[in-house]
Amino acid sequence: MAVAKKESFDTWFGTAAEMATFASMVRGDKFITTDTKIGYVYTGAAWIVDPQGAFELSGSGVTVGDPLFVSLATKLQAALDSIDVSKMSKGGVTVAHNAITATATSAEIPCAGFNAIMLEITQSAAEAWTYTVQGCMVTGGTFVDIYEMANTGALALMTVVENTLSRILVFKGIPDYIKIVATEVAGTATVTVKVQPLNL
């Protein structure tokens, strides 16, 4: 297969041997080797493995015009990627608390590009726990309680007291990073909380 370029895109396709002798690239061009399935970027002096994240081709014999399926090694970021993360409808599921039996605060959960979260709460017994959403604009910052504007015009804390075995709750209006505080009110129930960001 000869080296080929997909329309006006800056990505070339060919074997590793063809890349070694290829001379029509300019700084910033990318090259995907169809035999070794590795992505490279041209620095202006040499080809280097693409620093934006490792990816691999699914299958062999990829030709120009074929869809390209990738496995990203790093999270998508709206500032760096051509995929508009803010247009995605749902994110991945994070286990905020796994079988806890006492009050605990989760690690921070990234929610950039999303405006709401779903909490899936599973309790081993119908005993009272309080679940509160805390947030921060930056990673590693100070997390504080989040308030939302209620229909009455008053501010309402993003919190709920649950005493059911399982339930899914939705909270809208969140910053880029959140934590879930699970507070034991009474009893000895074991609690698991999962979080999924989404856009509403």
Protein backbone atom coordinates (compact mmCIF):
# COMPACT_ATOMS: atom_id res chain seq x y z
CA MET A 1 0.00 0.00 0.00
CA ALA A 2 1.31 3.45 -0.90
CA VAL A 3 1.27 6.25 1.64
CA ALA A 4 -2.10 7.98 1.48
CA LYS A 5 -3.71 11.02 3.03
CA LYS A 6 -7.40 11.28 3.87
CA GLU A 7 -8.73 14.35 2.03
CA SER A 8 -7.38 17.52 3.68
CA PHE A 9 -6.67 15.92 7.06
CA ASP A 10 -3.12 16.07 8.42
CA THR A 11 -2.91 12.31 8.96
CA TRP A 12 -1.02 9.99 6.64
CA PHE A 13 -1.38 6.19 6.46
CA GLY A 14 1.26 3.65 5.45
CA THR A 15 3.62 0.96 6.71
CA ALA A 16 6.48 1.67 9.10
CA ALA A 17 8.94 1.16 6.22
CA GLU A 18 7.02 3.66 4.08
CA MET A 19 7.05 6.18 6.93
CA ALA A 20 10.85 5.85 7.19
CA THR A 21 11.29 7.00 3.58
CA PHE A 22 8.34 9.40 3.42
CA ALA A 23 9.28 13.04 2.68
CA SER A 24 6.04 14.98 2.06
CA MET A 25 5.21 15.76 5.67
CA VAL A 26 5.14 19.11 7.42
CA ARG A 27 5.41 19.96 11.12
CA GLY A 28 2.33 18.74 13.02
CA ASP A 29 1.38 16.04 10.50
CA LYS A 30 0.45 12.66 11.90
CA PHE A 31 1.28 9.23 10.53
CA ILE A 32 -0.49 5.99 11.41
CA THR A 33 1.43 2.85 10.56
CA THR A 34 -0.95 0.25 9.21
CA ASP A 35 1.35 -2.68 10.03
CA THR A 36 2.53 -1.79 13.55
CA LYS A 37 -0.61 0.22 14.38
CA ILE A 38 1.23 3.11 16.06
CA GLY A 39 0.48 6.83 15.74
CA TYR A 40 3.27 9.36 15.23
CA VAL A 41 3.49 13.14 14.94
CA TYR A 42 6.12 15.04 12.93
CA THR A 43 8.08 17.62 14.98
CA GLY A 44 9.63 19.32 11.96
CA ALA A 45 12.78 17.24 12.37
CA ALA A 46 11.61 13.69 13.13
CA TRP A 47 8.60 11.44 13.70
CA ILE A 48 7.83 10.79 17.40
CA VAL A 49 5.12 8.70 19.05
CA ASP A 50 2.04 10.93 19.34
CA PRO A 51 2.19 12.59 22.82
CA GLN A 52 -1.56 13.33 22.84
CA GLY A 53 -2.21 9.76 23.92
CA ALA A 54 -1.47 6.29 22.67
CA PHE A 55 -3.99 4.72 20.35
CA GLU A 56 -4.25 1.58 18.30
CA LEU A 57 -6.07 0.56 15.15
CA SER A 58 -8.77 -2.07 15.52
CA GLY A 59 -8.02 -4.68 12.92
CA SER A 60 -5.54 -4.71 10.06
CA GLY A 61 -5.44 -3.47 6.51
CA VAL A 62 -6.94 -0.06 7.27
CA THR A 63 -7.34 1.97 4.13
CA VAL A 64 -8.15 5.61 3.55
CA GLY A 65 -11.84 6.18 4.13
CA ASP A 66 -12.20 3.35 6.65
CA PRO A 67 -13.51 4.29 10.09
CA LEU A 68 -10.77 4.49 12.70
CA PHE A 69 -11.57 3.10 16.15
CA VAL A 70 -9.28 4.25 18.93
CA SER A 71 -8.62 3.39 22.55
CA LEU A 72 -7.48 6.55 24.33
CA ALA A 73 -4.89 6.26 27.07
CA THR A 74 -5.85 9.63 28.56
CA LYS A 75 -9.17 11.33 29.36
CA LEU A 76 -10.78 13.55 26.75
CA GLN A 77 -10.42 17.25 27.43
CA ALA A 78 -12.39 19.89 25.58
CA ALA A 79 -9.32 22.15 25.44
CA LEU A 80 -7.15 19.51 23.73
CA ASP A 81 -9.42 17.22 21.72
CA SER A 82 -11.51 17.71 18.62
CA ILE A 83 -14.40 15.81 20.20
CA ASP A 84 -16.67 18.32 21.90
CA VAL A 85 -16.88 16.80 25.38
CA SER A 86 -19.59 19.28 26.35
CA LYS A 87 -21.93 17.69 23.79
CA MET A 88 -21.63 14.20 25.26
CA SER A 89 -24.84 13.01 26.93
CA LYS A 90 -23.36 10.76 29.65
CA GLY A 91 -19.98 10.04 31.17
CA GLY A 92 -18.56 6.92 32.76
CA VAL A 93 -19.66 5.42 36.06
CA THR A 94 -17.47 6.03 39.15
CA VAL A 95 -17.84 4.13 42.42
CA ALA A 96 -17.75 6.93 44.99
CA HIS A 97 -18.27 4.68 48.02
CA ASN A 98 -17.90 0.91 48.03
CA ALA A 99 -19.60 -1.00 50.86
CA ILE A 100 -18.93 1.61 53.54
CA THR A 101 -20.42 1.25 57.03
CA ALA A 102 -19.61 4.68 58.49
CA THR A 103 -19.59 8.33 57.42
CA ALA A 104 -17.12 8.98 54.58
CA THR A 105 -16.23 11.50 51.87
CA SER A 106 -15.38 10.20 48.41
CA ALA A 107 -12.30 11.05 46.36
CA GLU A 108 -12.86 13.82 43.83
CA ILE A 109 -14.81 12.84 40.72
CA PRO A 110 -14.12 14.71 37.46
CA CYS A 111 -17.30 15.99 35.76
CA ALA A 112 -15.93 18.58 33.29
CA GLY A 113 -18.23 18.97 30.29
CA PHE A 114 -21.32 17.78 32.18
CA ASN A 115 -23.98 19.77 34.04
CA ALA A 116 -25.60 17.08 36.19
CA ILE A 117 -24.98 13.79 37.98
CA MET A 118 -26.92 10.65 38.76
CA LEU A 119 -26.28 8.98 42.12
CA GLU A 120 -27.10 5.30 42.42
CA ILE A 121 -27.43 4.52 46.12
CA THR A 122 -27.58 0.94 47.38
CA GLN A 123 -28.09 0.26 51.10
CA SER A 124 -28.08 -3.17 52.74
CA ALA A 125 -30.88 -2.07 55.07
CA ALA A 126 -33.56 0.65 55.08
CA GLU A 127 -31.72 2.90 57.52
CA ALA A 128 -31.16 6.65 57.40
CA TRP A 129 -28.10 8.06 55.61
CA THR A 130 -27.58 11.60 54.30
CA TYR A 131 -25.93 12.12 50.89
CA THR A 132 -24.48 15.55 50.09
CA VAL A 133 -22.79 16.77 46.90
CA GLN A 134 -19.71 18.96 47.36
CA GLY A 135 -17.86 20.68 44.56
CA CYS A 136 -14.78 22.60 43.47
CA MET A 137 -13.88 24.50 40.28
CA VAL A 138 -10.35 23.03 40.15
CA THR A 139 -8.80 19.65 40.88
CA GLY A 140 -7.24 19.32 44.31
CA GLY A 141 -8.94 22.45 45.63
CA THR A 142 -11.17 23.05 48.64
CA PHE A 143 -14.51 21.29 48.27
CA VAL A 144 -17.63 23.01 49.63
CA ASP A 145 -21.34 22.20 49.77
CA ILE A 146 -23.26 22.96 46.55
CA TYR A 147 -26.53 24.89 46.64
CA GLU A 148 -29.01 25.11 43.78
CA MET A 149 -31.79 27.63 43.18
CA ALA A 150 -35.13 26.06 44.09
CA ASN A 151 -38.38 26.91 42.27
CA THR A 152 -39.24 29.18 45.20
CA GLY A 153 -36.18 31.34 44.56
CA ALA A 154 -34.48 30.07 47.70
CA LEU A 155 -31.17 28.25 47.71
CA ALA A 156 -31.36 24.52 48.41
CA LEU A 157 -28.45 22.36 49.54
CA MET A 158 -27.70 19.44 47.19
CA THR A 159 -28.42 16.82 49.83
CA VAL A 160 -30.94 14.11 50.58
CA VAL A 161 -31.74 11.80 53.48
CA GLU A 162 -32.42 8.26 52.29
CA ASN A 163 -33.76 5.27 54.17
CA THR A 164 -34.62 3.03 51.23
CA LEU A 165 -32.66 0.02 49.99
CA SER A 166 -31.84 1.51 46.58
CA ARG A 167 -32.56 4.61 44.60
CA ILE A 168 -31.18 6.76 41.76
CA LEU A 169 -31.08 10.52 42.37
CA VAL A 170 -30.38 13.34 39.89
CA PHE A 171 -28.65 16.63 40.80
CA LYS A 172 -28.28 19.41 38.21
CA GLY A 173 -25.82 22.31 38.22
CA ILE A 174 -22.40 20.97 39.19
CA PRO A 175 -18.81 22.25 38.89
CA ASP A 176 -15.98 20.38 37.14
CA TYR A 177 -15.05 18.34 40.25
CA ILE A 178 -17.33 16.87 42.92
CA LYS A 179 -17.20 14.70 46.01
CA ILE A 180 -20.01 12.73 47.64
CA VAL A 181 -20.33 12.89 51.41
CA ALA A 182 -22.23 9.90 52.83
CA THR A 183 -23.21 10.51 56.44
CA GLU A 184 -24.53 7.70 58.62
CA VAL A 185 -27.55 8.90 60.60
CA ALA A 186 -28.63 5.66 62.27
CA GLY A 187 -28.25 1.92 62.02
CA THR A 188 -25.56 -0.38 60.65
CA ALA A 189 -26.31 -0.48 56.91
CA THR A 190 -23.60 -1.04 54.31
CA VAL A 191 -23.72 1.60 51.58
CA THR A 192 -22.45 1.74 47.99
CA VAL A 193 -22.74 4.93 45.92
CA LYS A 194 -22.07 5.18 42.18
CA VAL A 195 -21.89 8.44 40.22
CA GLN A 196 -22.50 9.06 36.52
CA PRO A 197 -22.19 12.58 35.07
CA LEU A 198 -24.59 13.60 32.31
CA ASN A 199 -26.00 16.59 30.47
CA LEU A 200 -29.63 17.61 31.01
